[in-house]
Protein backbone atom coordinates (compact mmCIF):
# COMPACT_ATOMS: atom_id res chain seq x y z
CA MET A 1 120.72 79.00 73.16
CA ALA A 2 117.02 79.89 72.87
CA MET A 3 116.14 83.50 72.19
CA PRO A 4 114.69 85.40 75.15
CA ARG A 5 110.90 85.65 75.18
CA LEU A 6 109.67 89.19 75.88
CA ALA A 7 106.28 90.56 76.87
CA LEU A 8 105.24 93.53 74.69
CA VAL A 9 102.60 95.89 76.16
CA PRO A 10 101.42 98.63 73.74
CA GLY A 11 100.09 100.96 76.48
CA GLU A 12 97.32 103.47 75.78
CA PRO A 13 95.14 101.88 73.07
CA ALA A 14 94.08 105.23 71.58
CA GLY A 15 97.70 106.36 71.21
CA VAL A 16 100.48 105.31 68.87
CA GLY A 17 101.42 102.17 70.84
CA PRO A 18 99.26 99.71 68.88
CA GLU A 19 100.44 100.88 65.46
CA LEU A 20 104.07 100.82 66.58
CA CYS A 21 103.58 97.19 67.62
CA VAL A 22 102.09 96.42 64.20
CA ARG A 23 105.13 97.98 62.53
CA LEU A 24 107.40 95.96 64.81
CA ALA A 25 105.68 92.75 63.67
CA GLN A 26 106.60 93.39 60.03
CA ARG A 27 110.21 92.31 60.32
CA PRO A 28 111.69 89.04 61.59
CA ARG A 29 113.80 89.03 64.73
CA ASN A 30 116.88 87.04 65.56
CA ASP A 31 117.41 88.45 69.05
CA CYS A 32 114.12 87.63 70.83
CA SER A 33 110.54 86.45 70.43
CA LEU A 34 107.64 88.73 71.34
CA VAL A 35 104.19 88.19 72.82
CA ALA A 36 101.85 91.20 72.75
CA PHE A 37 99.59 91.79 75.77
CA ALA A 38 96.83 93.73 74.07
CA ASP A 39 93.34 94.04 72.66
CA PRO A 40 93.14 92.19 69.32
CA ALA A 41 90.54 94.51 67.79
CA THR A 42 92.72 97.55 68.47
CA LEU A 43 95.77 95.95 66.89
CA GLU A 44 93.72 94.95 63.84
CA ALA A 45 92.34 98.49 63.52
CA ALA A 46 95.88 99.86 63.69
CA ALA A 47 97.03 97.44 60.99
CA GLN A 48 94.12 98.46 58.78
CA ALA A 49 94.92 102.15 59.28
CA LEU A 50 98.53 101.49 58.30
CA GLY A 51 97.66 99.20 55.39
CA LEU A 52 99.97 96.51 56.81
CA PRO A 53 99.40 92.77 57.26
CA LEU A 54 98.70 91.44 60.75
CA ASN A 55 98.24 87.81 61.70
CA LEU A 56 97.50 87.46 65.41
CA LEU A 57 98.65 84.10 66.76
CA HIS A 58 98.13 82.19 69.98
CA GLU A 59 100.84 83.29 72.40
CA ASP A 60 102.54 79.88 72.22
CA HIS A 61 102.86 79.96 68.42
CA PRO A 62 106.07 81.55 67.11
CA ALA A 63 106.07 84.26 64.46
CA HIS A 64 107.32 83.13 61.04
CA ALA A 65 106.14 85.67 58.47
CA PRO A 66 105.87 89.47 58.25
CA GLY A 67 102.81 90.55 60.23
CA ASP A 68 102.81 87.54 62.59
CA LEU A 69 102.31 88.59 66.21
CA PRO A 70 101.75 86.17 69.09
CA LEU A 71 99.11 87.58 71.43
CA ARG A 72 97.72 87.29 74.93
CA MET A 73 94.32 88.97 74.78
CA PHE A 74 93.28 91.86 77.04
CA PRO A 75 90.03 93.07 75.46
CA ASN A 76 89.01 96.69 75.88
CA VAL A 77 85.58 97.49 77.27
CA ASN A 78 84.89 100.00 74.48
CA ALA A 79 86.00 100.10 70.86
CA VAL A 80 88.97 102.41 70.43
CA ALA A 81 88.88 105.66 68.47
CA PHE A 82 92.49 106.61 67.79
CA GLY A 83 93.41 109.92 69.36
CA GLN A 84 90.52 109.76 71.87
CA PRO A 85 91.46 108.00 75.13
CA ASP A 86 88.58 106.30 76.92
CA PRO A 87 88.82 105.90 80.73
CA ARG A 88 86.62 102.80 80.47
CA ASN A 89 89.57 101.00 78.87
CA ALA A 90 91.95 101.85 81.71
CA GLY A 91 91.43 98.48 83.40
CA ALA A 92 92.62 96.54 80.36
CA VAL A 93 95.79 98.66 80.13
CA ILE A 94 96.69 98.10 83.79
CA ASP A 95 95.76 94.40 83.69
CA ALA A 96 98.08 93.90 80.73
CA LEU A 97 100.97 95.57 82.56
CA ARG A 98 100.39 93.59 85.75
CA GLN A 99 100.02 90.25 83.98
CA ALA A 100 103.14 90.86 81.90
CA ALA A 101 105.03 91.67 85.11
CA THR A 102 103.69 88.53 86.76
CA GLY A 103 104.85 86.49 83.77
CA CYS A 104 108.34 87.99 84.09
CA LEU A 105 108.51 87.27 87.82
CA GLY A 106 107.38 83.71 87.21
CA GLY A 107 109.96 83.03 84.52
CA ALA A 108 107.54 82.73 81.57
CA PHE A 109 109.10 85.88 80.05
CA ALA A 110 112.68 87.12 80.19
CA GLY A 111 111.75 90.80 80.12
CA MET A 112 109.11 93.39 79.35
CA VAL A 113 108.86 96.16 76.74
CA THR A 114 106.22 98.83 77.26
CA GLY A 115 104.65 101.49 75.10
CA PRO A 116 103.41 104.87 76.33
CA VAL A 117 100.56 105.09 78.86
CA HIS A 118 98.21 108.07 79.27
CA LYS A 119 98.33 108.79 83.01
CA ALA A 120 95.32 111.09 83.13
CA THR A 121 93.07 108.55 81.41
CA ILE A 122 94.07 105.78 83.83
CA ASN A 123 93.26 107.98 86.80
CA GLN A 124 89.99 109.09 85.22
CA GLY A 125 89.16 105.39 84.97
CA GLY A 126 89.29 105.17 88.77
CA ILE A 127 92.75 103.57 89.02
CA ALA A 128 95.40 105.38 91.07
CA TYR A 129 98.42 105.50 88.76
CA THR A 130 101.55 107.64 88.88
CA GLY A 131 103.51 105.77 86.20
CA THR A 132 104.47 102.33 84.94
CA THR A 133 107.86 102.49 86.68
CA GLU A 134 106.13 102.94 90.05
CA LEU A 135 103.53 100.28 89.27
CA LEU A 136 106.17 97.69 88.43
CA ALA A 137 108.30 98.58 91.44
CA GLU A 138 105.33 98.10 93.78
CA HIS A 139 104.33 94.88 92.03
CA ALA A 140 107.82 93.41 92.48
CA GLY A 141 108.37 94.87 95.95
CA ARG A 142 111.58 96.59 94.84
CA LYS A 143 113.09 100.06 95.00
CA VAL A 144 114.11 101.01 91.48
CA VAL A 145 116.10 103.56 89.53
CA MET A 146 115.09 105.26 86.30
CA MET A 147 117.68 105.36 83.54
CA LEU A 148 117.33 106.75 80.04
CA ALA A 149 119.77 105.68 77.37
CA ASN A 150 120.61 105.92 73.70
CA ASP A 151 123.65 105.04 71.61
CA ILE A 152 125.55 108.05 73.01
CA VAL A 153 124.97 108.10 76.77
CA ARG A 154 123.20 106.41 79.69
CA VAL A 155 121.71 108.77 82.29
CA ALA A 156 120.43 107.52 85.65
CA LEU A 157 118.36 109.83 87.85
CA ALA A 158 118.69 110.40 91.58
CA THR A 159 115.26 112.07 91.61
CA THR A 160 112.63 111.84 88.89
CA HIS A 161 109.37 113.78 88.75
CA LEU A 162 109.83 116.24 91.60
CA PRO A 163 109.35 120.01 91.63
CA LEU A 164 112.74 121.71 91.73
CA ARG A 165 111.96 123.18 95.17
CA GLN A 166 111.85 119.65 96.60
CA VAL A 167 114.98 118.24 94.96
CA PRO A 168 117.70 119.35 97.45
CA ASP A 169 115.79 117.93 100.43
CA ALA A 170 115.21 114.64 98.59
CA ILE A 171 118.91 114.04 97.90
CA ASP A 172 120.31 112.40 101.01
CA ALA A 173 122.99 109.80 101.68
CA GLY A 174 120.57 106.86 101.70
CA LEU A 175 119.10 107.79 98.32
CA LEU A 176 122.52 108.24 96.72
CA ARG A 177 123.78 104.91 98.08
CA HIS A 178 120.73 103.11 96.70
CA VAL A 179 120.85 104.75 93.27
CA LEU A 180 124.59 104.24 92.81
CA HIS A 181 124.58 100.62 94.01
CA THR A 182 121.59 99.83 91.78
CA THR A 183 123.10 101.53 88.74
CA HIS A 184 126.48 99.84 89.27
CA ALA A 185 124.84 96.41 89.60
CA ALA A 186 122.70 96.95 86.49
CA LEU A 187 125.69 98.01 84.39
CA ARG A 188 127.39 94.76 85.35
CA THR A 189 124.38 92.43 85.17
CA ASP A 190 122.39 93.90 82.30
CA PHE A 191 125.08 95.50 80.16
CA GLY A 192 127.97 93.09 80.80
CA ILE A 193 130.37 95.84 81.94
CA ALA A 194 132.74 94.18 84.40
CA ALA A 195 134.10 97.38 85.99
CA PRO A 196 131.70 100.23 85.25
CA VAL A 197 132.69 103.87 85.60
CA ILE A 198 129.91 106.20 86.73
CA ALA A 199 130.13 109.97 86.50
CA VAL A 200 128.19 111.75 89.26
CA LEU A 201 126.94 115.29 88.66
CA GLY A 202 126.83 117.91 91.35
CA LEU A 203 123.53 119.48 92.29
CA ASN A 204 124.60 123.12 92.06
CA PRO A 205 126.21 125.16 89.27
CA HIS A 206 129.92 124.35 89.01
CA ALA A 207 129.29 121.47 91.46
CA GLY A 208 128.96 124.02 94.25
CA GLU A 209 132.20 125.93 93.57
CA ASP A 210 133.80 124.69 96.83
CA GLY A 211 130.73 125.68 98.82
CA HIS A 212 130.31 129.17 97.39
CA LEU A 213 127.29 128.09 95.27
CA GLY A 214 125.78 125.58 97.68
CA ARG A 215 126.94 122.98 100.19
CA GLU A 216 125.09 119.85 99.02
CA GLU A 217 128.22 118.57 97.31
CA ILE A 218 130.40 119.03 100.40
CA ASP A 219 127.86 117.89 102.99
CA THR A 220 126.14 115.00 101.15
CA ILE A 221 127.46 113.98 97.76
CA VAL A 222 131.23 113.85 98.36
CA PRO A 223 131.00 111.80 101.60
CA VAL A 224 128.82 109.19 99.87
CA LEU A 225 131.14 108.98 96.87
CA ASP A 226 134.15 108.51 99.15
CA GLU A 227 132.30 105.80 101.09
CA LEU A 228 131.31 103.88 97.97
CA ARG A 229 134.77 104.19 96.43
CA GLY A 230 135.98 102.42 99.53
CA GLN A 231 133.57 99.60 98.63
CA GLY A 232 135.06 99.26 95.15
CA LEU A 233 132.78 101.45 92.99
CA ASP A 234 134.53 103.53 90.33
CA LEU A 235 132.89 106.94 90.69
CA VAL A 236 133.99 110.23 89.12
CA GLY A 237 132.77 113.51 90.57
CA PRO A 238 130.88 115.40 91.61
CA LEU A 239 131.20 117.04 88.22
CA PRO A 240 129.73 120.31 86.95
CA ALA A 241 126.77 119.37 84.76
CA ASP A 242 127.59 121.96 82.09
CA THR A 243 130.82 120.20 81.05
CA ALA A 244 130.29 116.56 82.08
CA PHE A 245 128.55 115.70 78.80
CA LEU A 246 131.35 116.85 76.53
CA PRO A 247 132.06 113.99 74.09
CA ALA A 248 135.69 113.63 75.18
CA LYS A 249 134.56 113.15 78.79
CA LEU A 250 131.64 110.85 78.00
CA ARG A 251 134.00 108.38 76.35
CA GLY A 252 135.42 107.64 79.79
CA PHE A 253 132.05 106.95 81.48
CA ASP A 254 129.65 104.02 81.27
CA ALA A 255 126.80 106.06 82.81
CA VAL A 256 126.08 109.48 84.25
CA LEU A 257 124.09 110.04 87.44
CA ALA A 258 122.07 113.26 87.27
CA MET A 259 120.61 114.74 90.43
CA TYR A 260 117.30 115.72 88.84
CA HIS A 261 115.22 115.15 85.71
CA ASP A 262 116.06 118.21 83.63
CA GLN A 263 119.75 118.19 84.55
CA GLY A 264 120.55 115.17 82.41
CA LEU A 265 117.66 114.32 80.13
CA PRO A 266 117.71 117.34 77.80
CA VAL A 267 121.26 116.42 76.80
CA LEU A 268 120.33 112.79 76.22
CA LYS A 269 117.28 113.65 74.15
CA TYR A 270 119.16 116.20 72.08
CA SER A 271 121.89 113.66 71.37
CA GLY A 272 119.46 111.07 69.97
CA PHE A 273 115.80 111.28 70.93
CA GLU A 274 114.57 108.83 68.28
CA ARG A 275 116.67 105.96 69.65
CA ALA A 276 116.30 106.81 73.34
CA VAL A 277 114.75 104.30 75.72
CA ASN A 278 113.62 104.32 79.35
CA LEU A 279 114.94 101.54 81.62
CA THR A 280 113.79 100.51 85.08
CA LEU A 281 116.85 99.31 87.01
CA GLY A 282 116.51 97.14 90.09
CA LEU A 283 113.64 94.89 89.00
CA PRO A 284 114.19 91.10 88.96
CA TYR A 285 113.82 91.28 85.15
CA PRO A 286 114.70 93.80 82.42
CA ARG A 287 112.03 96.39 81.65
CA VAL A 288 112.53 98.86 78.82
CA ALA A 289 110.05 101.47 77.62
CA VAL A 290 109.86 103.94 74.78
CA ASP A 291 111.04 107.44 75.57
CA HIS A 292 108.02 109.27 74.21
CA GLY A 293 104.38 109.83 75.01
CA THR A 294 101.15 108.57 73.53
CA ALA A 295 101.23 111.12 70.67
CA LEU A 296 97.45 111.20 70.43
CA ASP A 297 97.60 113.72 67.59
CA LEU A 298 99.49 111.18 65.45
CA ALA A 299 97.59 108.03 66.40
CA GLY A 300 96.05 106.10 63.53
CA ARG A 301 97.65 108.32 60.89
CA GLY A 302 100.73 106.24 60.12
CA LEU A 303 103.09 109.07 61.05
CA ALA A 304 104.56 107.77 64.32
CA ASP A 305 108.27 106.86 64.28
CA PRO A 306 108.84 103.28 65.54
CA SER A 307 112.56 103.86 66.25
CA SER A 308 112.21 104.13 70.04
CA LEU A 309 110.12 100.95 70.30
CA GLU A 310 112.57 99.10 68.06
CA ALA A 311 115.43 100.31 70.25
CA ALA A 312 113.52 99.29 73.39
CA VAL A 313 113.02 95.74 72.13
CA ALA A 314 116.64 95.40 71.02
CA THR A 315 117.88 96.78 74.35
CA CYS A 316 115.61 94.51 76.39
CA ALA A 317 116.70 91.49 74.36
CA ARG A 318 120.38 92.27 75.00
CA MET A 319 119.74 92.77 78.71
CA ALA A 320 117.76 89.53 78.96
CA ALA A 321 120.52 87.62 77.21
CA GLN A 322 123.03 88.92 79.77
CA ARG A 323 121.01 87.67 82.74
CA PRO A 324 120.79 84.09 83.97
CA ALA A 325 117.37 82.50 83.44
CA PRO A 326 115.09 83.39 86.39
CA ALA A 327 113.99 80.63 88.71
CA PRO A 328 110.21 80.12 88.44
CA LEU A 329 108.22 81.19 91.50
């Protein structure tokens, strides 16, 4: 069976994304083939800064030697100075993401791996941008779920980047149904888990303490869990967040659903930040991103750790291999 072909988008050209892609090109792969969607001059500058070989190929030519990297060109308007984002290059970043997504929807690519994007620079370039997850969801016309994962735990989020004051009002029955159905389907389709077990955290301390510390569990979370159990989902909870991540408990779960960003992600990042990845569940194709930012202070200095990008590619390749080949549009 042919290896899945993945689109690789470095993200912010002045950040660490380009040099991480150069490092990735130094070793052969037996799980996927990669095509970078990027500016060739920026990749070459990153290779020079690292003192590593780089041989940019036409996107249809496979990589054979260390440093080979098939490329679809998205030239920047201005030459890149590492560590100094330029809003004039925002268009090339967004075009690369959109074209990679189009290639995935059309069946030319089996999945997408993305590096970190600098949100402020994109917006300063005159492009309304809240994040790559949102951009890809809108592009595909899908509602999606954010999951972060490493070798220890997978954490899906009911809400993502919301102020804490807004979280309780955002968690309603419709949201929980969508997030749990999407997470359950992804665990089966993308991870090959036939009967996934999902732990669901409560919103309040001690999962509400029978209503003494809040009623969201009683009024919203428990009724939805009971409803979905009746549909065949294996759901545990709502569980107090302060004990749900104990190793003995985690061994019984395939994923954990956290109600808000900082309820679940600090534990995940503490347990293995270097190998953590960010997944977008619910798209018609696998999308996996690094779980770190642009690290502008490290860019061009050869200090950035490629572990998260390596994990993202390996994860995306495994997910793509689990899925049937998409039908071309």
